[in-house]
Amino acid sequence: LMDTVLTLFPLKSVTESFARVIHGLTVEHLTDHVIQRSKRMILDTLGVGFLGTNTEVFHKASEYSKIYSSNVASTVWGQPDLRLPPTYAAFVNGVAIHSMDFDDTWHPATHPSGAVLPVLLALSEALPPSPKCSGLDLLLAFNVGIEVQGQLLRFSKEANDIPKRFHPPSVVGTLGSAAATSKFLGLSMTKCREALAIAVSHAGAPIANAATQTKPLHIGNAARHGMEAAFLAMLGLQGNRQILDMQTGFGAFYANYSPKVLPNLDSHAWLLDQQDVAFKRFPAHLATHWVADAAASVRKHLVTDRALLPIDRIARIVLRIPDVQYVNRPFPDSEHEARHSFQFVACATLLDGGITVPSFHKCQINRPQVRELLSKVELEHPQDNLPSFNTLYCEISVTLNDGATFTERSDTFYGHWRKPLSQEDLREKFRANASNVLSCDTVERLTEIVENLEDLEDCSVLTTLLKGPSSPEMVSKSI
């Protein structure tokens, strides 16, 4: 009987339901809550992207991308003399965004914005000036790209945990980029489905390249490959029509893949309405932010006024954290390893009182005081401390030579979705990051435009400001 029912009234596939949502969502579906949250994500992503243009990995990626030429070109953020084809502009801007691991983080675990925003800004600049792309057009496509990532992550229990095998943005980010591109370009439902299928064959990167210069390429590649998938779909390239339904399709990335058909558009509810993102206060793996909070609290027991940390009196430092091996780096030897080291962030916070962008410079990592503290660190993994950004905690105990022990715990750091940054603190982060490349006037103008993005009639006003410094003074400052 069931076979007869399914034959007469076949259920829509998961893949088809995604294509329907991508194609069918309109600006009328956007809620005030989603608009406000996504504008915060866009502002923060632009800021960390500008800051990232000062990094070695960004310069390597941009130098590589110069071999490509095209009659259609888009801006590389903060580089007024460098324009690239849209796919490669999205690539190098994506690399910049993740070059310091400073970009936003969602739950289930991924960095949602970096694979989507560079794509839409590159496309908005490269497309013909008529019809104009509005701020609402940008917000809609951005949120479609974020929504697709969030929905895919909910098809696996494994995705709830901090990853062990592959870097999630390289997987769901690639499909988010394809979805955002498809929406922005107005692709048909069939082409949206094909873009997702093609994107799956572009997706994936192993977690072994975390804490190396290669990890930022995961975001850049997700942005570029998703856009390329949509372009190929436009040209008629076809993929598996059931790609999201199958264990051998998108399910190949997950051990316990259980996809579900998305609801109809008339009952659509944005995941971003239900689950905010985390914004980082310093450029390192999100799990280290709990460590920094707990370490700062312990430090208050050890240091009074402006006195130095009594390193010689410290016998033992115990970190009670989840078992996340790729953030377990006892003696990091590079900035990328230090950004993925529970031990380093704890010791640098104890020593300095906090973590900043310069904390990860080579000279800071190799300080004798830091190395001495690192030698005293031990890790414990309590059974109740699960490796999930939604539930993990950090407890630090510092024991002195006389046996005195001071313990502090952090359950939620400032910047987590349960304790979000204030709008003013988010602005200050953007200003601090973007002012490394842009003039103060441009930074303030960008802030104003993004915070009122739904009222922007022409996105070229925004993309023009992304080009960066034009005066010798600002070029020198950037270098």
Protein backbone atom coordinates (compact mmCIF):
# COMPACT_ATOMS: atom_id res chain seq x y z
CA LEU A 1 0.00 0.00 0.00
CA MET A 2 2.77 2.44 0.94
CA ASP A 3 4.54 1.76 -2.36
CA THR A 4 1.30 2.57 -4.19
CA VAL A 5 0.83 5.81 -2.22
CA LEU A 6 4.41 6.92 -2.93
CA THR A 7 3.95 6.14 -6.60
CA LEU A 8 0.75 8.18 -6.84
CA PHE A 9 1.93 11.00 -4.56
CA PRO A 10 5.75 10.97 -4.63
CA LEU A 11 7.45 12.85 -1.83
CA LYS A 12 9.67 15.73 -2.90
CA SER A 13 13.33 14.97 -2.44
CA VAL A 14 15.50 16.81 0.05
CA THR A 15 17.52 18.23 -2.82
CA GLU A 16 14.38 19.55 -4.52
CA SER A 17 13.19 21.13 -1.28
CA PHE A 18 16.48 23.02 -0.96
CA ALA A 19 16.24 24.24 -4.54
CA ARG A 20 12.65 25.36 -3.88
CA VAL A 21 13.71 27.35 -0.83
CA ILE A 22 16.69 28.97 -2.56
CA HIS A 23 14.61 29.92 -5.59
CA GLY A 24 11.46 30.91 -3.75
CA LEU A 25 12.57 33.01 -0.79
CA THR A 26 12.00 36.75 -1.24
CA VAL A 27 12.80 39.88 0.71
CA GLU A 28 9.32 39.68 2.20
CA HIS A 29 10.44 36.54 4.03
CA LEU A 30 13.20 38.43 5.84
CA THR A 31 12.39 39.29 9.46
CA ASP A 32 13.68 42.29 11.38
CA HIS A 33 15.60 39.93 13.66
CA VAL A 34 17.32 38.21 10.75
CA ILE A 35 18.15 41.53 9.08
CA GLN A 36 19.72 42.91 12.26
CA ARG A 37 21.74 39.78 13.00
CA SER A 38 22.97 39.39 9.43
CA LYS A 39 24.06 43.04 9.27
CA ARG A 40 26.19 42.44 12.37
CA MET A 41 27.72 39.41 10.64
CA ILE A 42 28.46 41.44 7.51
CA LEU A 43 30.10 44.29 9.45
CA ASP A 44 32.26 41.91 11.47
CA THR A 45 33.25 39.89 8.40
CA LEU A 46 34.32 43.00 6.50
CA GLY A 47 36.44 44.10 9.45
CA VAL A 48 38.32 40.83 9.88
CA GLY A 49 38.72 40.67 6.11
CA PHE A 50 40.41 44.06 5.99
CA LEU A 51 42.67 43.10 8.89
CA GLY A 52 43.51 39.85 7.13
CA THR A 53 44.94 41.67 4.11
CA ASN A 54 48.03 42.31 6.24
CA THR A 55 48.79 38.60 6.65
CA GLU A 56 51.36 36.47 4.86
CA VAL A 57 48.82 33.91 3.71
CA PHE A 58 46.69 36.64 2.09
CA HIS A 59 49.68 37.98 0.15
CA LYS A 60 50.55 34.48 -1.06
CA ALA A 61 46.97 33.85 -2.19
CA SER A 62 46.66 37.22 -3.94
CA GLU A 63 50.01 36.80 -5.70
CA TYR A 64 48.87 33.40 -6.98
CA SER A 65 45.55 34.81 -8.19
CA LYS A 66 47.24 37.52 -10.29
CA ILE A 67 47.91 34.95 -13.01
CA TYR A 68 44.22 35.08 -13.90
CA SER A 69 42.83 37.83 -16.09
CA SER A 70 39.34 38.70 -17.27
CA ASN A 71 37.37 41.49 -18.86
CA VAL A 72 35.10 41.32 -15.80
CA ALA A 73 36.82 42.24 -12.53
CA SER A 74 35.97 42.73 -8.87
CA THR A 75 37.71 44.46 -5.98
CA VAL A 76 40.16 42.80 -3.65
CA TRP A 77 39.33 44.48 -0.35
CA GLY A 78 41.77 47.16 0.68
CA GLN A 79 43.88 46.76 -2.49
CA PRO A 80 43.03 49.62 -4.88
CA ASP A 81 45.50 48.45 -7.51
CA LEU A 82 44.42 44.81 -7.59
CA ARG A 83 41.29 43.63 -9.36
CA LEU A 84 40.53 40.01 -10.20
CA PRO A 85 37.81 37.96 -11.89
CA PRO A 86 34.87 37.60 -9.47
CA THR A 87 35.71 34.00 -8.55
CA TYR A 88 39.27 34.88 -7.57
CA ALA A 89 38.32 38.13 -5.87
CA ALA A 90 35.97 36.03 -3.73
CA PHE A 91 38.78 33.52 -3.17
CA VAL A 92 41.39 35.96 -1.88
CA ASN A 93 38.85 37.97 0.15
CA GLY A 94 37.68 34.70 1.71
CA VAL A 95 41.28 33.84 2.57
CA ALA A 96 41.70 37.25 4.20
CA ILE A 97 38.57 36.75 6.31
CA HIS A 98 39.84 33.47 7.80
CA SER A 99 43.57 34.26 7.74
CA MET A 100 43.57 34.95 11.50
CA ASP A 101 40.65 32.71 12.51
CA PHE A 102 38.88 35.91 13.57
CA ASP A 103 35.57 35.39 11.72
CA ASP A 104 32.15 34.53 13.13
CA THR A 105 31.25 31.02 14.33
CA TRP A 106 27.88 29.28 14.42
CA HIS A 107 26.40 26.16 16.00
CA PRO A 108 26.51 23.45 14.75
CA ALA A 109 30.14 24.34 14.16
CA THR A 110 31.07 26.36 11.09
CA HIS A 111 32.20 29.84 10.04
CA PRO A 112 29.11 30.91 8.08
CA SER A 113 29.82 34.37 6.65
CA GLY A 114 33.26 34.06 5.06
CA ALA A 115 32.17 31.76 2.26
CA VAL A 116 29.16 33.91 1.31
CA LEU A 117 29.85 37.64 1.70
CA PRO A 118 32.92 37.84 -0.61
CA VAL A 119 30.91 36.09 -3.33
CA LEU A 120 28.00 38.52 -3.23
CA LEU A 121 30.17 41.63 -3.08
CA ALA A 122 32.27 40.40 -6.01
CA LEU A 123 29.17 39.61 -8.05
CA SER A 124 27.43 42.88 -7.23
CA GLU A 125 30.42 44.72 -8.64
CA ALA A 126 30.90 42.52 -11.70
CA LEU A 127 27.28 42.41 -12.88
CA PRO A 128 25.95 45.00 -15.35
CA PRO A 129 24.95 48.26 -13.62
CA SER A 130 21.33 47.82 -14.65
CA PRO A 131 19.30 46.66 -12.87
CA LYS A 132 20.94 47.92 -9.70
CA CYS A 133 21.66 45.53 -6.86
CA SER A 134 20.10 46.86 -3.66
CA GLY A 135 21.04 46.28 -0.04
CA LEU A 136 17.94 44.14 0.38
CA ASP A 137 19.01 42.00 -2.60
CA LEU A 138 22.35 41.49 -0.90
CA LEU A 139 20.78 40.69 2.48
CA LEU A 140 18.39 38.16 0.94
CA ALA A 141 21.10 36.26 -0.95
CA PHE A 142 23.40 36.43 2.09
CA ASN A 143 20.75 34.93 4.34
CA VAL A 144 19.91 32.23 1.80
CA GLY A 145 23.59 31.23 1.84
CA ILE A 146 23.63 31.19 5.65
CA GLU A 147 20.33 29.28 5.87
CA VAL A 148 21.48 26.49 3.55
CA GLN A 149 24.59 25.95 5.66
CA GLY A 150 22.59 25.80 8.88
CA GLN A 151 20.03 23.38 7.49
CA LEU A 152 22.70 21.01 6.18
CA LEU A 153 24.48 20.99 9.55
CA ARG A 154 21.28 19.83 11.23
CA PHE A 155 21.24 16.60 9.22
CA SER A 156 23.97 15.04 11.37
CA LYS A 157 24.51 14.52 15.09
CA GLU A 158 28.23 14.55 14.33
CA ALA A 159 27.96 18.16 13.20
CA ASN A 160 26.95 19.25 16.72
CA ASP A 161 30.47 18.55 17.93
CA ILE A 162 33.68 20.43 17.21
CA PRO A 163 34.96 18.63 14.08
CA LYS A 164 37.52 15.85 14.07
CA ARG A 165 37.77 14.81 10.41
CA PHE A 166 37.05 17.75 8.11
CA HIS A 167 36.71 21.53 8.37
CA PRO A 168 32.95 22.31 8.12
CA PRO A 169 33.19 25.62 6.17
CA SER A 170 34.93 23.74 3.37
CA VAL A 171 31.83 21.55 3.09
CA VAL A 172 28.68 23.49 4.01
CA GLY A 173 30.31 26.80 3.08
CA THR A 174 30.76 25.64 -0.51
CA LEU A 175 27.05 24.86 -0.78
CA GLY A 176 26.19 28.12 0.99
CA SER A 177 28.21 30.00 -1.61
CA ALA A 178 26.47 28.12 -4.43
CA ALA A 179 23.05 28.87 -2.92
CA ALA A 180 23.82 32.56 -2.38
CA THR A 181 25.18 32.90 -5.93
CA SER A 182 22.16 31.11 -7.37
CA LYS A 183 19.80 33.41 -5.50
CA PHE A 184 21.71 36.55 -6.40
CA LEU A 185 21.78 35.64 -10.10
CA GLY A 186 18.11 34.64 -10.15
CA LEU A 187 18.66 31.04 -11.27
CA SER A 188 15.69 28.79 -11.92
CA MET A 189 14.79 26.10 -9.42
CA THR A 190 16.35 23.47 -11.67
CA LYS A 191 19.60 25.43 -11.95
CA CYS A 192 19.65 25.96 -8.17
CA ARG A 193 19.44 22.20 -7.73
CA GLU A 194 22.24 21.63 -10.24
CA ALA A 195 24.43 24.24 -8.54
CA LEU A 196 24.11 22.37 -5.22
CA ALA A 197 24.96 19.06 -6.90
CA ILE A 198 28.04 20.51 -8.57
CA ALA A 199 29.11 22.23 -5.36
CA VAL A 200 29.15 18.92 -3.45
CA SER A 201 31.92 17.71 -5.78
CA HIS A 202 33.93 20.83 -4.94
CA ALA A 203 33.54 20.46 -1.17
CA GLY A 204 35.77 19.21 1.62
CA ALA A 205 39.10 19.79 3.37
CA PRO A 206 40.76 17.69 6.10
CA ILE A 207 41.08 19.02 9.64
CA ALA A 208 44.78 18.07 9.56
CA ASN A 209 45.49 21.39 7.85
CA ALA A 210 44.10 23.33 10.81
CA ALA A 211 46.76 25.50 12.48
CA THR A 212 48.61 25.96 9.18
CA GLN A 213 48.61 28.61 6.48
CA THR A 214 46.44 26.31 4.38
CA LYS A 215 43.39 26.51 6.67
CA PRO A 216 42.34 30.01 5.45
CA LEU A 217 42.24 28.60 1.93
CA HIS A 218 39.27 26.47 3.05
CA ILE A 219 37.09 29.60 3.27
CA GLY A 220 38.49 31.11 0.07
CA ASN A 221 37.96 27.88 -1.83
CA ALA A 222 34.42 27.48 -0.49
CA ALA A 223 33.57 30.97 -1.77
CA ARG A 224 35.16 30.43 -5.18
CA HIS A 225 33.95 26.87 -5.73
CA GLY A 226 30.36 27.69 -4.83
CA MET A 227 30.33 30.54 -7.32
CA GLU A 228 31.89 28.34 -9.98
CA ALA A 229 29.25 25.68 -9.33
CA ALA A 230 26.48 28.19 -10.01
CA PHE A 231 28.22 29.42 -13.17
CA LEU A 232 28.55 25.84 -14.42
CA ALA A 233 24.89 25.17 -13.65
CA MET A 234 23.98 28.24 -15.70
CA LEU A 235 25.87 26.69 -18.63
CA GLY A 236 23.84 23.50 -18.33
CA LEU A 237 26.23 21.23 -16.44
CA GLN A 238 24.28 18.56 -14.58
CA GLY A 239 24.83 16.64 -11.37
CA ASN A 240 22.94 14.04 -9.36
CA ARG A 241 19.36 15.20 -8.78
CA GLN A 242 19.30 13.47 -5.38
CA ILE A 243 22.69 14.72 -4.17
CA LEU A 244 21.45 15.83 -0.72
CA ASP A 245 19.30 12.73 -0.25
CA MET A 246 22.05 10.15 -0.57
CA GLN A 247 24.62 8.67 1.78
CA THR A 248 26.94 8.59 -1.24
CA GLY A 249 26.09 12.23 -2.02
CA PHE A 250 26.39 14.94 0.61
CA GLY A 251 26.10 12.17 3.20
CA ALA A 252 29.64 11.07 2.31
CA PHE A 253 30.90 13.78 4.68
CA TYR A 254 28.99 12.49 7.72
CA ALA A 255 28.94 9.19 9.58
CA ASN A 256 25.28 9.55 10.63
CA TYR A 257 23.64 11.53 7.85
CA SER A 258 19.84 11.82 8.16
CA PRO A 259 18.46 14.44 5.72
CA LYS A 260 14.93 15.82 5.87
CA VAL A 261 12.76 17.68 3.36
CA LEU A 262 12.60 21.39 4.17
CA PRO A 263 9.20 22.92 5.02
CA ASN A 264 7.21 24.78 2.41
CA LEU A 265 7.90 28.48 1.97
CA ASP A 266 4.63 29.48 3.62
CA SER A 267 5.94 27.99 6.88
CA HIS A 268 9.59 28.94 6.46
CA ALA A 269 11.42 29.98 9.63
CA TRP A 270 15.01 31.26 9.42
CA LEU A 271 17.56 29.42 11.53
CA LEU A 272 19.31 32.74 12.18
CA ASP A 273 16.12 33.86 13.93
CA GLN A 274 16.54 30.95 16.34
CA GLN A 275 20.34 30.71 16.67
CA ASP A 276 22.65 33.74 16.78
CA VAL A 277 26.36 33.57 15.91
CA ALA A 278 29.46 34.14 18.05
CA PHE A 279 31.77 37.08 17.39
CA LYS A 280 35.35 36.69 18.57
CA ARG A 281 37.17 39.29 20.66
CA PHE A 282 40.59 38.01 19.60
CA PRO A 283 41.82 36.02 16.56
CA ALA A 284 41.94 32.38 17.62
CA HIS A 285 39.90 29.16 17.64
CA LEU A 286 36.55 29.75 19.33
CA ALA A 287 37.15 27.15 22.08
CA THR A 288 40.14 29.15 23.33
CA HIS A 289 37.82 32.03 24.26
CA TRP A 290 36.50 30.08 27.24
CA VAL A 291 40.11 29.45 28.29
CA ALA A 292 40.96 33.16 28.05
CA ASP A 293 37.98 34.13 30.19
CA ALA A 294 38.80 31.61 32.90
CA ALA A 295 42.50 32.49 32.85
CA ALA A 296 41.76 36.20 33.22
CA SER A 297 39.66 35.45 36.29
CA VAL A 298 42.38 33.30 37.89
CA ARG A 299 44.97 35.99 37.21
CA LYS A 300 43.13 38.36 39.55
CA HIS A 301 44.02 36.05 42.44
CA LEU A 302 47.72 36.07 41.48
CA VAL A 303 48.41 39.65 40.46
CA THR A 304 47.55 42.86 42.30
CA ASP A 305 47.68 46.33 40.81
CA ARG A 306 50.44 46.46 38.18
CA ALA A 307 52.59 43.71 39.60
CA LEU A 308 54.01 41.00 37.32
CA LEU A 309 52.75 37.44 37.32
CA PRO A 310 54.81 35.46 39.86
CA ILE A 311 55.89 32.77 37.40
CA ASP A 312 58.52 31.30 39.71
CA ARG A 313 55.84 30.69 42.38
CA ILE A 314 53.55 28.75 40.03
CA ALA A 315 53.98 24.98 40.31
CA ARG A 316 51.13 23.70 38.15
CA ILE A 317 48.41 24.89 35.74
CA VAL A 318 45.50 22.55 35.03
CA LEU A 319 43.05 23.17 32.19
CA ARG A 320 39.80 21.20 32.35
CA ILE A 321 38.53 21.38 28.80
CA PRO A 322 36.85 19.16 26.20
CA ASP A 323 38.98 16.69 24.29
CA VAL A 324 39.65 18.59 21.07
CA GLN A 325 42.94 17.31 19.74
CA TYR A 326 43.61 19.90 17.06
CA VAL A 327 43.48 22.66 19.70
CA ASN A 328 45.81 20.68 21.98
CA ARG A 329 49.22 22.17 21.15
CA PRO A 330 51.55 22.22 24.20
CA PHE A 331 54.37 24.22 22.57
CA PRO A 332 53.12 26.06 19.47
CA ASP A 333 55.80 27.23 17.08
CA SER A 334 53.88 29.53 14.73
CA GLU A 335 51.06 32.05 14.87
CA HIS A 336 48.66 29.53 13.33
CA GLU A 337 49.55 26.87 15.89
CA ALA A 338 49.22 29.41 18.71
CA ARG A 339 45.73 30.34 17.50
CA HIS A 340 44.84 26.66 17.91
CA SER A 341 46.41 26.08 21.32
CA PHE A 342 44.46 25.90 24.58
CA GLN A 343 47.80 26.01 26.37
CA PHE A 344 49.15 29.14 24.69
CA VAL A 345 45.99 31.19 25.11
CA ALA A 346 45.84 30.25 28.81
CA CYS A 347 49.48 31.15 29.45
CA ALA A 348 49.45 34.37 27.43
CA THR A 349 46.32 35.51 29.27
CA LEU A 350 47.83 34.68 32.66
CA LEU A 351 51.00 36.57 31.74
CA ASP A 352 49.52 39.62 30.00
CA GLY A 353 45.99 39.86 31.35
CA GLY A 354 44.37 39.38 27.96
CA ILE A 355 44.78 38.39 24.31
CA THR A 356 45.06 40.83 21.39
CA VAL A 357 46.03 40.67 17.72
CA PRO A 358 49.78 41.12 18.48
CA SER A 359 49.66 38.26 21.03
CA PHE A 360 50.22 35.82 18.15
CA HIS A 361 53.30 37.48 16.70
CA LYS A 362 56.31 35.16 16.62
CA CYS A 363 58.23 37.23 19.17
CA GLN A 364 55.33 36.98 21.63
CA ILE A 365 54.92 33.24 21.18
CA ASN A 366 58.60 32.55 21.85
CA ARG A 367 59.01 34.66 24.99
CA PRO A 368 60.89 32.73 27.70
CA GLN A 369 58.15 33.55 30.22
CA VAL A 370 55.51 31.99 27.95
CA ARG A 371 57.62 28.89 27.39
CA GLU A 372 58.18 28.48 31.12
CA LEU A 373 54.45 28.70 31.81
CA LEU A 374 53.67 26.26 28.99
CA SER A 375 55.91 23.67 30.64
CA LYS A 376 53.66 23.77 33.71
CA VAL A 377 50.35 23.15 31.91
CA GLU A 378 48.40 19.90 32.21
CA LEU A 379 45.12 19.03 30.49
CA GLU A 380 42.17 17.18 31.96
CA HIS A 381 39.03 16.19 30.03
CA PRO A 382 36.01 15.87 32.37
CA GLN A 383 33.38 13.47 31.04
CA ASP A 384 30.67 16.13 31.24
CA ASN A 385 32.70 18.64 29.19
CA LEU A 386 31.51 17.73 25.71
CA PRO A 387 33.24 19.10 22.57
CA SER A 388 30.38 21.36 21.49
CA PHE A 389 30.43 25.13 21.17
CA ASN A 390 26.98 25.16 22.72
CA THR A 391 27.84 23.26 25.92
CA LEU A 392 31.59 23.28 26.60
CA TYR A 393 33.18 25.02 29.55
CA CYS A 394 36.70 25.72 30.75
CA GLU A 395 37.97 25.42 34.30
CA ILE A 396 41.50 26.51 35.25
CA SER A 397 43.34 25.71 38.44
CA VAL A 398 46.68 27.35 39.25
CA THR A 399 48.62 25.78 42.11
CA LEU A 400 51.49 27.65 43.78
CA ASN A 401 54.62 26.17 45.31
CA ASP A 402 53.14 26.55 48.79
CA GLY A 403 50.16 24.42 47.81
CA ALA A 404 47.62 27.23 47.46
CA THR A 405 45.29 26.59 44.52
CA PHE A 406 43.06 29.09 42.72
CA THR A 407 40.30 27.85 40.42
CA GLU A 408 37.97 29.70 38.05
CA ARG A 409 35.47 28.50 35.46
CA SER A 410 33.96 30.01 32.32
CA ASP A 411 30.66 28.65 31.00
CA THR A 412 29.95 31.43 28.49
CA PHE A 413 32.39 34.05 27.24
CA TYR A 414 31.44 37.55 26.12
CA GLY A 415 30.82 37.31 22.37
CA HIS A 416 29.13 33.90 22.49
CA TRP A 417 25.55 33.77 21.13
CA ARG A 418 24.29 33.42 24.69
CA LYS A 419 26.19 36.57 25.66
CA PRO A 420 26.43 38.61 22.44
CA LEU A 421 28.67 41.58 21.85
CA SER A 422 26.90 44.90 22.19
CA GLN A 423 26.46 46.85 18.97
CA GLU A 424 28.99 49.42 20.16
CA ASP A 425 31.59 46.75 20.94
CA LEU A 426 30.98 45.17 17.54
CA ARG A 427 31.53 48.59 15.95
CA GLU A 428 34.74 49.05 17.93
CA LYS A 429 36.02 45.68 16.74
CA PHE A 430 35.24 46.66 13.14
CA ARG A 431 36.91 50.04 13.54
CA ALA A 432 40.05 48.52 15.08
CA ASN A 433 40.31 45.93 12.30
CA ALA A 434 39.37 48.04 9.27
CA SER A 435 41.46 51.07 10.31
CA ASN A 436 44.56 48.99 9.64
CA VAL A 437 43.76 49.49 5.96
CA LEU A 438 41.14 52.24 5.56
CA SER A 439 40.96 55.89 6.51
CA CYS A 440 38.86 56.82 9.53
CA ASP A 441 36.29 58.52 7.30
CA THR A 442 35.92 55.41 5.13
CA VAL A 443 35.58 53.18 8.20
CA GLU A 444 32.77 55.34 9.58
CA ARG A 445 31.04 55.52 6.22
CA LEU A 446 31.17 51.73 5.85
CA THR A 447 29.78 51.31 9.34
CA GLU A 448 26.87 53.57 8.53
CA ILE A 449 26.10 51.86 5.22
CA VAL A 450 26.16 48.33 6.64
CA GLU A 451 24.04 49.28 9.65
CA ASN A 452 21.42 50.66 7.25
CA LEU A 453 21.93 48.12 4.49
CA GLU A 454 18.24 47.41 3.97
CA ASP A 455 17.81 51.05 2.85
CA LEU A 456 20.72 51.03 0.35
CA GLU A 457 19.43 51.39 -3.21
CA ASP A 458 22.69 50.63 -5.02
CA CYS A 459 25.40 48.31 -3.64
CA SER A 460 28.04 50.02 -5.79
CA VAL A 461 28.15 52.65 -3.04
CA LEU A 462 29.38 49.88 -0.74
CA THR A 463 31.78 48.13 -3.12
CA THR A 464 33.45 51.43 -4.05
CA LEU A 465 34.48 51.90 -0.42
CA LEU A 466 36.00 48.41 -0.25
CA LYS A 467 38.81 49.30 -2.63
CA GLY A 468 40.86 50.76 0.17
CA PRO A 469 43.52 53.46 0.44
CA SER A 470 44.27 55.84 -2.37
CA SER A 471 46.70 58.14 -0.60
CA PRO A 472 50.42 57.26 -0.10
CA GLU A 473 49.90 57.65 3.65
CA MET A 474 47.23 54.93 3.81
CA VAL A 475 49.19 52.64 1.48
CA SER A 476 52.18 52.95 3.80
CA LYS A 477 49.97 52.27 6.83
CA SER A 478 48.61 49.12 5.18
CA ILE A 479 52.07 47.78 4.45
